[in-house]
C-alpha atoms as a PDB file:
ATOM      1  CA  MET A   1      99.426 104.050  95.189  1.00  0.00           C
ATOM      2  CA  LYS A   2      96.882 106.383  96.511  1.00  0.00           C
ATOM      3  CA  PHE A   3      96.959 108.893  99.243  1.00  0.00           C
ATOM      4  CA  SER A   4      94.286 109.479 102.095  1.00  0.00           C
ATOM      5  CA  PHE A   5      93.910 110.734 105.786  1.00  0.00           C
ATOM      6  CA  MET A   6      91.919 109.829 108.819  1.00  0.00           C
ATOM      7  CA  SER A   7      89.455 112.156 110.232  1.00  0.00           C
ATOM      8  CA  PHE A   8      91.562 112.311 113.311  1.00  0.00           C
ATOM      9  CA  SER A   9      93.434 115.064 111.539  1.00  0.00           C
ATOM     10  CA  CYS A  10      90.304 117.156 111.334  1.00  0.00           C
ATOM     11  CA  PRO A  11      87.792 115.497 113.807  1.00  0.00           C
ATOM     12  CA  LYS A  12      85.594 118.701 114.085  1.00  0.00           C
ATOM     13  CA  SER A  13      85.336 118.859 110.326  1.00  0.00           C
ATOM     14  CA  THR A  14      82.094 117.900 108.400  1.00  0.00           C
ATOM     15  CA  LEU A  15      82.467 115.399 105.697  1.00  0.00           C
ATOM     16  CA  ILE A  16      82.230 118.287 103.099  1.00  0.00           C
ATOM     17  CA  GLU A  17      85.023 120.153 104.874  1.00  0.00           C
ATOM     18  CA  MET A  18      87.107 116.810 105.008  1.00  0.00           C
ATOM     19  CA  LEU A  19      86.731 116.693 101.264  1.00  0.00           C
ATOM     20  CA  GLU A  20      87.606 120.117 100.788  1.00  0.00           C
ATOM     21  CA  TYR A  21      90.969 119.488 102.648  1.00  0.00           C
ATOM     22  CA  ALA A  22      91.554 116.454 100.398  1.00  0.00           C
ATOM     23  CA  LYS A  23      90.958 118.639  97.030  1.00  0.00           C
ATOM     24  CA  LYS A  24      93.145 121.432  98.409  1.00  0.00           C
ATOM     25  CA  TYR A  25      96.195 119.146  99.198  1.00  0.00           C
ATOM     26  CA  GLY A  26      95.750 116.476  96.418  1.00  0.00           C
ATOM     27  CA  TYR A  27      94.503 113.447  98.250  1.00  0.00           C
ATOM     28  CA  ASP A  28      92.674 110.692  96.532  1.00  0.00           C
ATOM     29  CA  GLY A  29      90.624 109.665  99.578  1.00  0.00           C
ATOM     30  CA  VAL A  30      89.699 110.343 102.900  1.00  0.00           C
ATOM     31  CA  GLU A  31      89.227 107.776 105.824  1.00  0.00           C
ATOM     32  CA  PRO A  32      86.409 108.462 108.322  1.00  0.00           C
ATOM     33  CA  ARG A  33      86.999 107.250 111.835  1.00  0.00           C
ATOM     34  CA  SER A  34      83.679 106.049 113.166  1.00  0.00           C
ATOM     35  CA  GLN A  35      82.650 105.334 116.661  1.00  0.00           C
ATOM     36  CA  ALA A  36      85.003 108.378 117.935  1.00  0.00           C
ATOM     37  CA  GLN A  37      82.606 111.521 117.968  1.00  0.00           C
ATOM     38  CA  HIS A  38      83.987 112.974 114.872  1.00  0.00           C
ATOM     39  CA  LYS A  39      81.726 115.316 112.858  1.00  0.00           C
ATOM     40  CA  HIS A  40      81.790 113.560 109.331  1.00  0.00           C
ATOM     41  CA  GLY A  41      78.382 111.908 110.102  1.00  0.00           C
ATOM     42  CA  ILE A  42      79.429 108.189 108.987  1.00  0.00           C
ATOM     43  CA  GLU A  43      78.256 106.108 111.742  1.00  0.00           C
ATOM     44  CA  LEU A  44      76.096 103.173 112.411  1.00  0.00           C
ATOM     45  CA  GLU A  45      73.172 105.454 113.294  1.00  0.00           C
ATOM     46  CA  THR A  46      73.118 107.169 110.047  1.00  0.00           C
ATOM     47  CA  GLY A  47      69.791 106.559 108.290  1.00  0.00           C
ATOM     48  CA  THR A  48      69.147 105.412 105.061  1.00  0.00           C
ATOM     49  CA  SER A  49      68.406 108.739 103.154  1.00  0.00           C
ATOM     50  CA  LYS A  50      71.507 110.179 104.779  1.00  0.00           C
ATOM     51  CA  ARG A  51      73.684 107.240 103.538  1.00  0.00           C
ATOM     52  CA  LYS A  52      72.361 107.776 100.084  1.00  0.00           C
ATOM     53  CA  GLU A  53      73.337 111.503 100.251  1.00  0.00           C
ATOM     54  CA  ILE A  54      76.812 110.651 101.523  1.00  0.00           C
ATOM     55  CA  LYS A  55      77.548 108.293  98.590  1.00  0.00           C
ATOM     56  CA  LYS A  56      76.504 110.939  96.124  1.00  0.00           C
ATOM     57  CA  ILE A  57      78.539 113.548  98.106  1.00  0.00           C
ATOM     58  CA  PHE A  58      81.684 111.015  97.512  1.00  0.00           C
ATOM     59  CA  GLN A  59      80.808 110.548  93.760  1.00  0.00           C
ATOM     60  CA  ASP A  60      80.467 114.179  93.238  1.00  0.00           C
ATOM     61  CA  SER A  61      83.691 115.132  94.885  1.00  0.00           C
ATOM     62  CA  GLY A  62      85.775 112.791  92.794  1.00  0.00           C
ATOM     63  CA  ILE A  63      87.444 111.643  96.342  1.00  0.00           C
ATOM     64  CA  GLU A  64      86.827 108.284  97.686  1.00  0.00           C
ATOM     65  CA  CYS A  65      86.055 106.913 100.883  1.00  0.00           C
ATOM     66  CA  ALA A  66      89.048 104.980 101.416  1.00  0.00           C
ATOM     67  CA  CYS A  67      88.107 103.013 104.325  1.00  0.00           C
ATOM     68  CA  ILE A  68      85.816 103.138 107.605  1.00  0.00           C
ATOM     69  CA  ALA A  69      87.990 103.095 110.386  1.00  0.00           C
ATOM     70  CA  THR A  70      86.105 101.325 113.203  1.00  0.00           C
ATOM     71  CA  SER A  71      86.809 100.517 116.972  1.00  0.00           C
ATOM     72  CA  ILE A  72      85.858  96.800 116.623  1.00  0.00           C
ATOM     73  CA  ARG A  73      87.728  94.285 118.395  1.00  0.00           C
ATOM     74  CA  TYR A  74      87.309  90.408 118.680  1.00  0.00           C
ATOM     75  CA  CYS A  75      89.593  89.239 121.284  1.00  0.00           C
ATOM     76  CA  PHE A  76      87.212  88.428 124.016  1.00  0.00           C
ATOM     77  CA  VAL A  77      87.020  85.257 125.931  1.00  0.00           C
ATOM     78  CA  ASP A  78      83.420  86.261 126.709  1.00  0.00           C
ATOM     79  CA  PRO A  79      81.497  84.863 123.955  1.00  0.00           C
ATOM     80  CA  ASP A  80      78.775  87.306 124.379  1.00  0.00           C
ATOM     81  CA  LYS A  81      81.463  90.097 123.747  1.00  0.00           C
ATOM     82  CA  ARG A  82      82.416  88.231 120.609  1.00  0.00           C
ATOM     83  CA  LYS A  83      78.757  87.963 119.499  1.00  0.00           C
ATOM     84  CA  GLU A  84      78.267  91.772 120.074  1.00  0.00           C
ATOM     85  CA  ALA A  85      81.623  92.562 117.871  1.00  0.00           C
ATOM     86  CA  LEU A  86      80.345  90.258 114.939  1.00  0.00           C
ATOM     87  CA  GLU A  87      76.853  91.927 114.952  1.00  0.00           C
ATOM     88  CA  THR A  88      78.642  95.399 114.868  1.00  0.00           C
ATOM     89  CA  THR A  89      80.904  94.295 112.111  1.00  0.00           C
ATOM     90  CA  LYS A  90      77.920  93.163 109.844  1.00  0.00           C
ATOM     91  CA  ALA A  91      76.304  96.397 110.478  1.00  0.00           C
ATOM     92  CA  PHE A  92      79.448  98.359 109.367  1.00  0.00           C
ATOM     93  CA  ILE A  93      79.704  96.128 106.289  1.00  0.00           C
ATOM     94  CA  ASP A  94      76.070  97.272 105.482  1.00  0.00           C
ATOM     95  CA  LEU A  95      77.377 100.911 106.077  1.00  0.00           C
ATOM     96  CA  ALA A  96      80.280 100.640 103.944  1.00  0.00           C
ATOM     97  CA  SER A  97      77.931  99.025 101.067  1.00  0.00           C
ATOM     98  CA  ASP A  98      75.502 101.679 101.366  1.00  0.00           C
ATOM     99  CA  ILE A  99      78.099 104.745 101.114  1.00  0.00           C
ATOM    100  CA  GLY A 100      80.175 103.005  98.327  1.00  0.00           C
ATOM    101  CA  THR A 101      83.581 102.095 100.121  1.00  0.00           C
ATOM    102  CA  LYS A 102      85.216  98.895  99.875  1.00  0.00           C
ATOM    103  CA  ARG A 103      87.058  98.532 103.253  1.00  0.00           C
ATOM    104  CA  ILE A 104      86.570  98.812 106.864  1.00  0.00           C
ATOM    105  CA  ARG A 105      89.395  98.556 109.480  1.00  0.00           C
ATOM    106  CA  VAL A 106      89.086  96.356 112.401  1.00  0.00           C
ATOM    107  CA  PHE A 107      91.308  95.380 115.276  1.00  0.00           C
ATOM    108  CA  GLY A 108      92.312  92.062 117.102  1.00  0.00           C
ATOM    109  CA  GLY A 109      92.197  94.073 120.303  1.00  0.00           C
ATOM    110  CA  VAL A 110      93.565  93.123 123.687  1.00  0.00           C
ATOM    111  CA  PRO A 111      92.267  90.018 125.402  1.00  0.00           C
ATOM    112  CA  ASP A 112      89.935  90.566 128.340  1.00  0.00           C
ATOM    113  CA  ARG A 113      91.854  87.968 130.262  1.00  0.00           C
ATOM    114  CA  LYS A 114      95.443  86.591 130.158  1.00  0.00           C
ATOM    115  CA  ILE A 115      95.772  84.121 127.192  1.00  0.00           C
ATOM    116  CA  SER A 116      98.463  82.887 124.980  1.00  0.00           C
ATOM    117  CA  ILE A 117      99.197  84.267 121.616  1.00  0.00           C
ATOM    118  CA  ASP A 118      97.989  81.213 119.977  1.00  0.00           C
ATOM    119  CA  GLU A 119      94.681  81.454 121.837  1.00  0.00           C
ATOM    120  CA  ALA A 120      94.240  84.931 121.036  1.00  0.00           C
ATOM    121  CA  VAL A 121      94.912  84.165 117.291  1.00  0.00           C
ATOM    122  CA  LYS A 122      92.299  81.396 117.331  1.00  0.00           C
ATOM    123  CA  ILE A 123      89.719  83.498 118.902  1.00  0.00           C
ATOM    124  CA  VAL A 124      90.194  86.499 116.428  1.00  0.00           C
ATOM    125  CA  GLY A 125      90.666  83.993 113.486  1.00  0.00           C
ATOM    126  CA  ASP A 126      87.359  82.245 114.352  1.00  0.00           C
ATOM    127  CA  CYS A 127      85.456  85.609 114.599  1.00  0.00           C
ATOM    128  CA  LEU A 128      86.792  86.770 111.205  1.00  0.00           C
ATOM    129  CA  GLY A 129      85.866  83.409 109.793  1.00  0.00           C
ATOM    130  CA  ILE A 130      82.383  83.767 110.812  1.00  0.00           C
ATOM    131  CA  VAL A 131      81.889  87.342 109.677  1.00  0.00           C
ATOM    132  CA  GLY A 132      84.160  87.162 106.722  1.00  0.00           C
ATOM    133  CA  GLU A 133      81.457  85.104 104.958  1.00  0.00           C
ATOM    134  CA  TYR A 134      79.081  88.293 105.169  1.00  0.00           C
ATOM    135  CA  ALA A 135      81.929  90.450 104.111  1.00  0.00           C
ATOM    136  CA  GLU A 136      82.727  88.205 100.916  1.00  0.00           C
ATOM    137  CA  LYS A 137      78.878  88.290 100.311  1.00  0.00           C
ATOM    138  CA  ASN A 138      78.969  92.165 100.191  1.00  0.00           C
ATOM    139  CA  ARG A 139      82.527  92.398  98.683  1.00  0.00           C
ATOM    140  CA  ILE A 140      83.666  94.481 101.487  1.00  0.00           C
ATOM    141  CA  PHE A 141      87.155  94.024 102.709  1.00  0.00           C
ATOM    142  CA  LEU A 142      87.965  93.530 106.452  1.00  0.00           C
ATOM    143  CA  CYS A 143      91.282  94.755 107.152  1.00  0.00           C
ATOM    144  CA  LEU A 144      92.767  93.638 110.275  1.00  0.00           C
ATOM    145  CA  GLU A 145      95.267  96.090 111.686  1.00  0.00           C
ATOM    146  CA  THR A 146      98.727  95.430 113.225  1.00  0.00           C
ATOM    147  CA  HIS A 147      97.763  96.967 116.466  1.00  0.00           C
ATOM    148  CA  ASP A 148      97.427  96.508 120.096  1.00  0.00           C
ATOM    149  CA  PHE A 149      97.913  92.651 121.194  1.00  0.00           C
ATOM    150  CA  PHE A 150      98.196  92.013 117.351  1.00  0.00           C
ATOM    151  CA  SER A 151     100.864  94.723 116.624  1.00  0.00           C
ATOM    152  CA  ARG A 152     103.377  92.404 115.195  1.00  0.00           C
ATOM    153  CA  ALA A 153     102.893  91.579 111.500  1.00  0.00           C
ATOM    154  CA  ASP A 154     103.586  87.950 111.734  1.00  0.00           C
ATOM    155  CA  THR A 155     100.730  87.483 114.375  1.00  0.00           C
ATOM    156  CA  VAL A 156      98.164  89.255 112.165  1.00  0.00           C
ATOM    157  CA  ALA A 157      99.405  87.253 109.196  1.00  0.00           C
ATOM    158  CA  GLN A 158      98.885  84.149 110.990  1.00  0.00           C
ATOM    159  CA  VAL A 159      95.175  85.071 111.876  1.00  0.00           C
ATOM    160  CA  VAL A 160      94.593  85.984 108.218  1.00  0.00           C
ATOM    161  CA  LYS A 161      95.941  82.616 106.854  1.00  0.00           C
ATOM    162  CA  ILE A 162      93.790  80.897 109.311  1.00  0.00           C
ATOM    163  CA  VAL A 163      90.720  82.531 108.017  1.00  0.00           C
ATOM    164  CA  ASP A 164      91.633  82.005 104.320  1.00  0.00           C
ATOM    165  CA  ASN A 165      89.114  84.327 102.931  1.00  0.00           C
ATOM    166  CA  PRO A 166      89.874  86.852 100.026  1.00  0.00           C
ATOM    167  CA  TYR A 167      87.977  89.686 101.830  1.00  0.00           C
ATOM    168  CA  VAL A 168      89.972  89.206 105.019  1.00  0.00           C
ATOM    169  CA  LYS A 169      93.079  91.202 104.765  1.00  0.00           C
ATOM    170  CA  ILE A 170      95.563  93.137 106.414  1.00  0.00           C
ATOM    171  CA  ASN A 171      95.782  96.982 107.268  1.00  0.00           C
ATOM    172  CA  TRP A 172      99.437  97.267 107.749  1.00  0.00           C
ATOM    173  CA  ASP A 173      99.900 100.037 110.236  1.00  0.00           C
ATOM    174  CA  ILE A 174     103.627 100.386 109.491  1.00  0.00           C
ATOM    175  CA  MET A 175     104.457 102.086 112.607  1.00  0.00           C
ATOM    176  CA  HIS A 176     103.485  99.341 115.128  1.00  0.00           C
ATOM    177  CA  PRO A 177     105.544  96.296 114.076  1.00  0.00           C
ATOM    178  CA  PHE A 178     108.586  98.606 113.803  1.00  0.00           C
ATOM    179  CA  THR A 179     107.760  99.712 117.561  1.00  0.00           C
ATOM    180  CA  LYS A 180     107.701  96.043 118.445  1.00  0.00           C
ATOM    181  CA  GLY A 181     111.183  95.383 116.952  1.00  0.00           C
ATOM    182  CA  MET A 182     110.486  93.928 113.569  1.00  0.00           C
ATOM    183  CA  THR A 183     112.498  95.672 110.789  1.00  0.00           C
ATOM    184  CA  ILE A 184     110.431  97.073 107.795  1.00  0.00           C
ATOM    185  CA  LYS A 185     111.511  94.218 105.549  1.00  0.00           C
ATOM    186  CA  GLU A 186     110.534  91.649 108.202  1.00  0.00           C
ATOM    187  CA  ALA A 187     106.958  93.252 108.552  1.00  0.00           C
ATOM    188  CA  PHE A 188     106.592  93.400 104.929  1.00  0.00           C
ATOM    189  CA  ASP A 189     107.446  89.873 104.241  1.00  0.00           C
ATOM    190  CA  HIS A 190     104.578  88.683 106.387  1.00  0.00           C
ATOM    191  CA  VAL A 191     102.007  91.086 105.106  1.00  0.00           C
ATOM    192  CA  LYS A 192     102.791  91.486 101.415  1.00  0.00           C
ATOM    193  CA  ASN A 193     100.404  88.772 100.201  1.00  0.00           C
ATOM    194  CA  PHE A 194      97.478  90.251 102.252  1.00  0.00           C
ATOM    195  CA  VAL A 195      97.830  94.019 102.570  1.00  0.00           C
ATOM    196  CA  GLU A 196      94.760  95.952 101.417  1.00  0.00           C
ATOM    197  CA  HIS A 197      95.281  99.226 103.216  1.00  0.00           C
ATOM    198  CA  CYS A 198      98.105 101.057 105.051  1.00  0.00           C
ATOM    199  CA  HIS A 199      98.325 103.516 107.832  1.00  0.00           C
ATOM    200  CA  VAL A 200     101.272 105.834 107.946  1.00  0.00           C
ATOM    201  CA  HIS A 201     102.607 108.285 110.878  1.00  0.00           C
ATOM    202  CA  ASP A 202     106.090 108.796 111.726  1.00  0.00           C
ATOM    203  CA  GLY A 203     107.549 109.016 115.303  1.00  0.00           C
ATOM    204  CA  VAL A 204     110.630 109.117 117.548  1.00  0.00           C
ATOM    205  CA  TYR A 205     111.576 106.798 120.234  1.00  0.00           C
ATOM    206  CA  ASP A 206     112.707 107.136 123.960  1.00  0.00           C
ATOM    207  CA  ALA A 207     114.957 104.725 125.605  1.00  0.00           C
ATOM    208  CA  GLU A 208     112.036 102.635 126.621  1.00  0.00           C
ATOM    209  CA  ARG A 209     110.837 102.382 123.039  1.00  0.00           C
ATOM    210  CA  ASN A 210     108.005 104.832 123.744  1.00  0.00           C
ATOM    211  CA  VAL A 211     107.124 106.556 120.452  1.00  0.00           C
ATOM    212  CA  LYS A 212     106.088 110.214 120.010  1.00  0.00           C
ATOM    213  CA  LEU A 213     104.438 111.086 116.645  1.00  0.00           C
ATOM    214  CA  ALA A 214     106.587 113.374 114.387  1.00  0.00           C
ATOM    215  CA  LEU A 215     105.842 114.872 111.149  1.00  0.00           C
ATOM    216  CA  MET A 216     106.452 112.395 108.142  1.00  0.00           C
ATOM    217  CA  GLY A 217     110.302 112.424 107.542  1.00  0.00           C
ATOM    218  CA  ASN A 218     111.169 113.832 110.852  1.00  0.00           C
ATOM    219  CA  GLY A 219     110.900 110.658 112.894  1.00  0.00           C
ATOM    220  CA  GLU A 220     112.846 107.290 112.915  1.00  0.00           C
ATOM    221  CA  ILE A 221     110.595 105.021 110.674  1.00  0.00           C
ATOM    222  CA  PRO A 222     111.891 104.206 107.302  1.00  0.00           C
ATOM    223  CA  TYR A 223     108.827 104.863 105.210  1.00  0.00           C
ATOM    224  CA  LYS A 224     110.969 105.416 102.091  1.00  0.00           C
ATOM    225  CA  GLU A 225     111.731 101.672 102.366  1.00  0.00           C
ATOM    226  CA  ALA A 226     108.308 100.522 103.169  1.00  0.00           C
ATOM    227  CA  ILE A 227     107.034 102.433 100.039  1.00  0.00           C
ATOM    228  CA  MET A 228     109.627 101.013  97.771  1.00  0.00           C
ATOM    229  CA  LEU A 229     108.679  97.503  99.008  1.00  0.00           C
ATOM    230  CA  LEU A 230     104.911  98.141  98.367  1.00  0.00           C
ATOM    231  CA  GLU A 231     105.924  99.424  94.970  1.00  0.00           C
ATOM    232  CA  GLU A 232     107.575  96.310  94.148  1.00  0.00           C
ATOM    233  CA  ILE A 233     104.368  94.302  94.426  1.00  0.00           C
ATOM    234  CA  GLY A 234     102.382  96.837  92.740  1.00  0.00           C
ATOM    235  CA  TYR A 235     100.245  97.900  95.716  1.00  0.00           C
ATOM    236  CA  GLN A 236      97.320  99.883  94.522  1.00  0.00           C
ATOM    237  CA  GLY A 237      95.674 100.694  97.846  1.00  0.00           C
ATOM    238  CA  TYR A 238      96.185 103.693 100.094  1.00  0.00           C
ATOM    239  CA  LEU A 239      98.632 105.184 102.401  1.00  0.00           C
ATOM    240  CA  SER A 240      96.313 106.806 104.955  1.00  0.00           C
ATOM    241  CA  GLY A 241      97.822 109.355 107.439  1.00  0.00           C
ATOM    242  CA  GLU A 242      96.824 108.790 110.921  1.00  0.00           C
ATOM    243  CA  TYR A 243      97.727 111.717 113.212  1.00  0.00           C
ATOM    244  CA  ILE A 244      95.914 111.674 116.559  1.00  0.00           C
ATOM    245  CA  GLN A 245      95.859 114.883 118.561  1.00  0.00           C
ATOM    246  CA  ALA A 246      98.972 116.158 116.809  1.00  0.00           C
ATOM    247  CA  TRP A 247      98.804 119.049 114.414  1.00  0.00           C
ATOM    248  CA  GLU A 248      96.274 121.174 112.852  1.00  0.00           C
ATOM    249  CA  PRO A 249      95.288 119.914 109.321  1.00  0.00           C
ATOM    250  CA  ASP A 250      96.871 122.793 107.557  1.00  0.00           C
ATOM    251  CA  ILE A 251     100.253 121.590 108.853  1.00  0.00           C
ATOM    252  CA  VAL A 252     100.121 117.786 108.696  1.00  0.00           C
ATOM    253  CA  LEU A 253      98.233 117.201 105.568  1.00  0.00           C
ATOM    254  CA  PRO A 254     100.406 119.042 102.932  1.00  0.00           C
ATOM    255  CA  HIS A 255     103.563 118.070 104.736  1.00  0.00           C
ATOM    256  CA  ASP A 256     102.680 114.289 104.874  1.00  0.00           C
ATOM    257  CA  ILE A 257     101.616 113.884 101.237  1.00  0.00           C
ATOM    258  CA  ARG A 258     104.513 115.925  99.966  1.00  0.00           C
ATOM    259  CA  VAL A 259     106.959 113.670 101.708  1.00  0.00           C
ATOM    260  CA  LEU A 260     105.269 110.501 100.781  1.00  0.00           C
ATOM    261  CA  LYS A 261     105.254 111.508  97.128  1.00  0.00           C
ATOM    262  CA  SER A 262     109.018 112.289  97.235  1.00  0.00           C
ATOM    263  CA  TYR A 263     109.457 108.917  98.343  1.00  0.00           C
ATOM    264  CA  LEU A 264     107.698 107.504  95.156  1.00  0.00           C
ATOM    265  CA  GLN A 265     109.549 109.769  93.050  1.00  0.00           C
ATOM    266  CA  ARG A 266     112.882 108.258  94.306  1.00  0.00           C
END
């Protein structure tokens, strides 16, 4: 199991500065969040020569690009919006290939009109079935996150099963299925055959089940159990910390990895 953090922890940092944080606190990788005006410079607009430079920066640093986190969503009734999402996905697959990462994170999203879960699953499954061929050709994993309308692990697993492509996998954001009332074990049982990437962030809940971020181990989400289950299946991917507008990097980054590694040691 490896450790990374998303650029939301340091959105004003350049790529070099992100990598310095990773080295300082013992992370194996970093996860740039594209399409969010962060300063790392890994975007669709990044030119060919700059992409080559970024690839070399990663290689020289010894720190991996764990995943490119995108804003791509597919759950649109409007076919033109779906077409645009597919073209954007192909462009991100090219970007991932150019800089030397194996994964991009995508969302199912929220439907643009009221539809059933089954209809939403079909729309996203059809989209990922189409673009999955391009991902497979380029050996880039499309990691569909447990998020938004697709926060439940069983819903995301249903999409991935429909697609049936070895390069269409799951980004298990461990918080979101738990927030929706699934136990860690219930969620894990749905994602275990497809998990390629994990997002981690602890939180505390109010009476209406609204969540507020907490430092790892200070919240209510049983990450120790999640990590033990991932260990049981020999998960070799990343646990990637995602803390949006929460703490300064010198607070959250050392704390997060220290607590997560303590769960591994147990």
